[in-house]
C-alpha atoms as a PDB file:
ATOM      1  CA  MET A   1      48.258 167.059  42.183  1.00  0.00           C
ATOM      2  CA  GLY A   2      45.686 164.604  43.493  1.00  0.00           C
ATOM      3  CA  LEU A   3      44.894 163.573  47.014  1.00  0.00           C
ATOM      4  CA  PHE A   4      46.366 160.091  46.697  1.00  0.00           C
ATOM      5  CA  PHE A   5      49.614 160.885  44.847  1.00  0.00           C
ATOM      6  CA  GLY A   6      51.585 161.040  48.118  1.00  0.00           C
ATOM      7  CA  ILE A   7      50.172 157.730  49.280  1.00  0.00           C
ATOM      8  CA  ASP A   8      50.946 156.172  45.894  1.00  0.00           C
ATOM      9  CA  ALA A   9      54.527 157.455  45.954  1.00  0.00           C
ATOM     10  CA  SER A  10      55.072 156.143  49.490  1.00  0.00           C
ATOM     11  CA  ALA A  11      53.479 152.808  48.578  1.00  0.00           C
ATOM     12  CA  SER A  12      55.967 152.419  45.731  1.00  0.00           C
ATOM     13  CA  GLY A  13      58.733 153.125  48.254  1.00  0.00           C
ATOM     14  CA  LEU A  14      57.373 150.415  50.557  1.00  0.00           C
ATOM     15  CA  THR A  15      57.401 147.908  47.707  1.00  0.00           C
ATOM     16  CA  ALA A  16      60.905 148.905  46.628  1.00  0.00           C
ATOM     17  CA  GLU A  17      62.364 148.691  50.136  1.00  0.00           C
ATOM     18  CA  ARG A  18      60.695 145.323  50.733  1.00  0.00           C
ATOM     19  CA  LEU A  19      62.362 144.004  47.582  1.00  0.00           C
ATOM     20  CA  ARG A  20      65.673 145.486  48.705  1.00  0.00           C
ATOM     21  CA  MET A  21      65.350 143.766  52.110  1.00  0.00           C
ATOM     22  CA  ASP A  22      64.542 140.458  50.382  1.00  0.00           C
ATOM     23  CA  VAL A  23      67.673 140.715  48.222  1.00  0.00           C
ATOM     24  CA  ILE A  24      69.830 141.649  51.232  1.00  0.00           C
ATOM     25  CA  SER A  25      68.394 138.707  53.203  1.00  0.00           C
ATOM     26  CA  ASN A  26      69.255 136.409  50.310  1.00  0.00           C
ATOM     27  CA  ASN A  27      72.820 137.772  50.294  1.00  0.00           C
ATOM     28  CA  ILE A  28      73.191 137.128  54.032  1.00  0.00           C
ATOM     29  CA  ALA A  29      71.696 133.641  53.741  1.00  0.00           C
ATOM     30  CA  ASN A  30      74.199 132.742  50.998  1.00  0.00           C
ATOM     31  CA  SER A  31      77.250 134.338  52.625  1.00  0.00           C
ATOM     32  CA  ASN A  32      78.921 130.913  52.945  1.00  0.00           C
ATOM     33  CA  THR A  33      77.731 129.303  49.682  1.00  0.00           C
ATOM     34  CA  THR A  34      80.751 128.233  47.650  1.00  0.00           C
ATOM     35  CA  ARG A  35      78.871 126.313  44.971  1.00  0.00           C
ATOM     36  CA  THR A  36      75.842 127.568  43.054  1.00  0.00           C
ATOM     37  CA  GLU A  37      73.851 125.964  40.265  1.00  0.00           C
ATOM     38  CA  ASN A  38      75.768 128.182  37.793  1.00  0.00           C
ATOM     39  CA  GLY A  39      79.077 127.037  39.272  1.00  0.00           C
ATOM     40  CA  GLY A  40      81.424 129.006  41.462  1.00  0.00           C
ATOM     41  CA  ALA A  41      80.792 130.943  44.626  1.00  0.00           C
ATOM     42  CA  TYR A  42      77.643 132.956  45.277  1.00  0.00           C
ATOM     43  CA  LYS A  43      77.820 136.525  43.961  1.00  0.00           C
ATOM     44  CA  ARG A  44      76.271 139.383  45.914  1.00  0.00           C
ATOM     45  CA  ARG A  45      73.132 140.910  44.381  1.00  0.00           C
ATOM     46  CA  TYR A  46      71.746 144.426  44.629  1.00  0.00           C
ATOM     47  CA  VAL A  47      68.635 146.239  43.411  1.00  0.00           C
ATOM     48  CA  VAL A  48      68.741 149.131  40.936  1.00  0.00           C
ATOM     49  CA  PHE A  49      65.978 151.736  41.336  1.00  0.00           C
ATOM     50  CA  GLU A  50      64.791 154.599  39.170  1.00  0.00           C
ATOM     51  CA  PRO A  51      62.191 157.297  39.819  1.00  0.00           C
ATOM     52  CA  ARG A  52      58.684 156.836  38.505  1.00  0.00           C
ATOM     53  CA  THR A  53      57.338 159.903  36.765  1.00  0.00           C
ATOM     54  CA  ARG A  54      53.854 160.857  35.781  1.00  0.00           C
ATOM     55  CA  GLU A  55      53.279 162.044  32.248  1.00  0.00           C
ATOM     56  CA  PRO A  56      50.903 165.005  32.549  1.00  0.00           C
ATOM     57  CA  LYS A  57      47.695 164.996  30.561  1.00  0.00           C
ATOM     58  CA  THR A  58      47.556 167.117  27.418  1.00  0.00           C
ATOM     59  CA  PHE A  59      45.846 170.187  28.898  1.00  0.00           C
ATOM     60  CA  GLU A  60      47.988 170.036  32.022  1.00  0.00           C
ATOM     61  CA  LYS A  61      51.106 169.694  29.854  1.00  0.00           C
ATOM     62  CA  ALA A  62      50.092 172.671  27.707  1.00  0.00           C
ATOM     63  CA  LEU A  63      49.384 174.732  30.827  1.00  0.00           C
ATOM     64  CA  GLN A  64      52.732 173.837  32.381  1.00  0.00           C
ATOM     65  CA  GLN A  65      54.572 174.732  29.186  1.00  0.00           C
ATOM     66  CA  ALA A  66      52.709 178.047  28.962  1.00  0.00           C
ATOM     67  CA  VAL A  67      53.601 178.927  32.549  1.00  0.00           C
ATOM     68  CA  GLY A  68      57.145 177.586  32.207  1.00  0.00           C
ATOM     69  CA  LEU A  69      56.753 174.659  34.607  1.00  0.00           C
ATOM     70  CA  SER A  70      57.321 171.847  32.130  1.00  0.00           C
ATOM     71  CA  ARG A  71      58.915 169.508  34.653  1.00  0.00           C
ATOM     72  CA  GLN A  72      57.361 166.205  35.616  1.00  0.00           C
ATOM     73  CA  THR A  73      56.018 165.415  39.057  1.00  0.00           C
ATOM     74  CA  GLY A  74      57.675 162.555  40.918  1.00  0.00           C
ATOM     75  CA  GLU A  75      55.534 159.524  41.526  1.00  0.00           C
ATOM     76  CA  GLY A  76      57.761 157.363  43.668  1.00  0.00           C
ATOM     77  CA  VAL A  77      60.301 154.742  42.746  1.00  0.00           C
ATOM     78  CA  ARG A  78      60.424 151.450  40.876  1.00  0.00           C
ATOM     79  CA  ALA A  79      62.898 148.605  40.726  1.00  0.00           C
ATOM     80  CA  VAL A  80      64.556 148.351  37.333  1.00  0.00           C
ATOM     81  CA  SER A  81      66.613 145.219  37.867  1.00  0.00           C
ATOM     82  CA  ILE A  82      68.496 143.029  40.301  1.00  0.00           C
ATOM     83  CA  MET A  83      72.170 143.087  39.379  1.00  0.00           C
ATOM     84  CA  GLU A  84      74.978 140.739  40.348  1.00  0.00           C
ATOM     85  CA  ASP A  85      78.242 142.071  41.761  1.00  0.00           C
ATOM     86  CA  ASP A  86      80.968 140.440  39.659  1.00  0.00           C
ATOM     87  CA  THR A  87      83.903 141.201  41.956  1.00  0.00           C
ATOM     88  CA  GLN A  88      85.843 138.138  43.044  1.00  0.00           C
ATOM     89  CA  GLY A  89      85.337 136.918  46.580  1.00  0.00           C
ATOM     90  CA  PRO A  90      88.225 136.223  48.916  1.00  0.00           C
ATOM     91  CA  LEU A  91      90.337 133.139  48.269  1.00  0.00           C
ATOM     92  CA  VAL A  92      90.808 130.921  51.314  1.00  0.00           C
ATOM     93  CA  TYR A  93      93.375 128.137  51.468  1.00  0.00           C
ATOM     94  CA  ASP A  94      91.485 124.925  52.253  1.00  0.00           C
ATOM     95  CA  PRO A  95      92.798 121.983  50.196  1.00  0.00           C
ATOM     96  CA  GLY A  96      90.320 119.541  51.794  1.00  0.00           C
ATOM     97  CA  HIS A  97      87.274 121.519  50.647  1.00  0.00           C
ATOM     98  CA  PRO A  98      85.343 119.899  47.776  1.00  0.00           C
ATOM     99  CA  ASP A  99      85.279 123.225  45.850  1.00  0.00           C
ATOM    100  CA  ALA A 100      89.028 123.879  46.138  1.00  0.00           C
ATOM    101  CA  ASN A 101      90.938 124.586  42.939  1.00  0.00           C
ATOM    102  CA  ALA A 102      94.188 122.867  41.898  1.00  0.00           C
ATOM    103  CA  GLU A 103      96.247 125.069  44.262  1.00  0.00           C
ATOM    104  CA  GLY A 104      93.897 124.306  47.203  1.00  0.00           C
ATOM    105  CA  TYR A 105      92.129 127.696  47.306  1.00  0.00           C
ATOM    106  CA  VAL A 106      88.378 128.086  47.666  1.00  0.00           C
ATOM    107  CA  GLU A 107      86.644 131.232  46.447  1.00  0.00           C
ATOM    108  CA  LYS A 108      84.242 132.492  49.112  1.00  0.00           C
ATOM    109  CA  PRO A 109      81.203 134.665  48.282  1.00  0.00           C
ATOM    110  CA  ASN A 110      81.841 138.402  47.889  1.00  0.00           C
ATOM    111  CA  VAL A 111      79.272 139.179  50.603  1.00  0.00           C
ATOM    112  CA  ASN A 112      80.366 141.497  53.411  1.00  0.00           C
ATOM    113  CA  ILE A 113      78.028 140.793  56.341  1.00  0.00           C
ATOM    114  CA  VAL A 114      78.662 144.168  58.008  1.00  0.00           C
ATOM    115  CA  ALA A 115      77.882 146.100  54.819  1.00  0.00           C
ATOM    116  CA  GLU A 116      74.769 143.979  54.252  1.00  0.00           C
ATOM    117  CA  MET A 117      73.534 144.670  57.788  1.00  0.00           C
ATOM    118  CA  VAL A 118      74.072 148.412  57.291  1.00  0.00           C
ATOM    119  CA  ASP A 119      72.110 148.204  54.026  1.00  0.00           C
ATOM    120  CA  MET A 120      69.383 146.245  55.830  1.00  0.00           C
ATOM    121  CA  ILE A 121      69.079 148.912  58.535  1.00  0.00           C
ATOM    122  CA  THR A 122      68.949 151.637  55.872  1.00  0.00           C
ATOM    123  CA  ALA A 123      66.209 149.785  53.992  1.00  0.00           C
ATOM    124  CA  GLN A 124      64.287 149.250  57.232  1.00  0.00           C
ATOM    125  CA  ARG A 125      64.477 152.955  58.102  1.00  0.00           C
ATOM    126  CA  ALA A 126      63.334 153.934  54.599  1.00  0.00           C
ATOM    127  CA  TYR A 127      60.439 151.470  54.902  1.00  0.00           C
ATOM    128  CA  GLU A 128      59.451 153.003  58.243  1.00  0.00           C
ATOM    129  CA  ALA A 129      59.650 156.524  56.782  1.00  0.00           C
ATOM    130  CA  ASN A 130      57.339 155.564  53.913  1.00  0.00           C
ATOM    131  CA  ALA A 131      54.884 153.933  56.321  1.00  0.00           C
ATOM    132  CA  THR A 132      54.899 157.101  58.441  1.00  0.00           C
ATOM    133  CA  ALA A 133      54.283 159.232  55.342  1.00  0.00           C
ATOM    134  CA  ILE A 134      51.277 157.081  54.432  1.00  0.00           C
ATOM    135  CA  THR A 135      49.913 157.418  57.968  1.00  0.00           C
ATOM    136  CA  ALA A 136      50.326 161.202  57.811  1.00  0.00           C
ATOM    137  CA  ALA A 137      48.624 161.380  54.395  1.00  0.00           C
ATOM    138  CA  LYS A 138      45.715 159.307  55.708  1.00  0.00           C
ATOM    139  CA  ALA A 139      45.388 161.617  58.724  1.00  0.00           C
ATOM    140  CA  MET A 140      45.397 164.696  56.457  1.00  0.00           C
ATOM    141  CA  ALA A 141      42.723 163.179  54.210  1.00  0.00           C
ATOM    142  CA  SER A 142      40.636 162.344  57.250  1.00  0.00           C
ATOM    143  CA  LYS A 143      40.942 165.894  58.594  1.00  0.00           C
ATOM    144  CA  ALA A 144      39.995 167.269  55.172  1.00  0.00           C
ATOM    145  CA  LEU A 145      36.859 165.141  55.209  1.00  0.00           C
ATOM    146  CA  ASP A 146      36.065 166.344  58.745  1.00  0.00           C
ATOM    147  CA  ILE A 147      36.372 169.966  57.618  1.00  0.00           C
ATOM    148  CA  GLY A 148      33.946 169.310  54.770  1.00  0.00           C
ATOM    149  CA  ARG A 149      31.179 168.116  57.134  1.00  0.00           C
END
């Protein structure tokens, strides 16, 4: 395990949480959009993540298999895709609205502001935790260099 693997893993977390906050902000900004360019009300979006893994080099792989430690080391996280939530939004009776259907109902976006704010706080806390981990890794590397003097 190298010196910068922890920093790299935390940096991937920073990037992932920034993307997650951008998507959440977009959801909040469009919480009242009843007409999109694709037609219909805005649909909530969310980010799908998966762990990044490091494929060990050949000698390291052979050594791990010989010792019985053939598992991969985690290397952070990466965004796989941004998905759209296809659940229907609430129908509100407003016959004067330009997007009302024949019965006078308008489909509102399926964005729950409270849930989005909770997700935003969670993403912010995860971002802060990754930034703190990077700061700690930098301090450890600095102390290691001081010991070597």
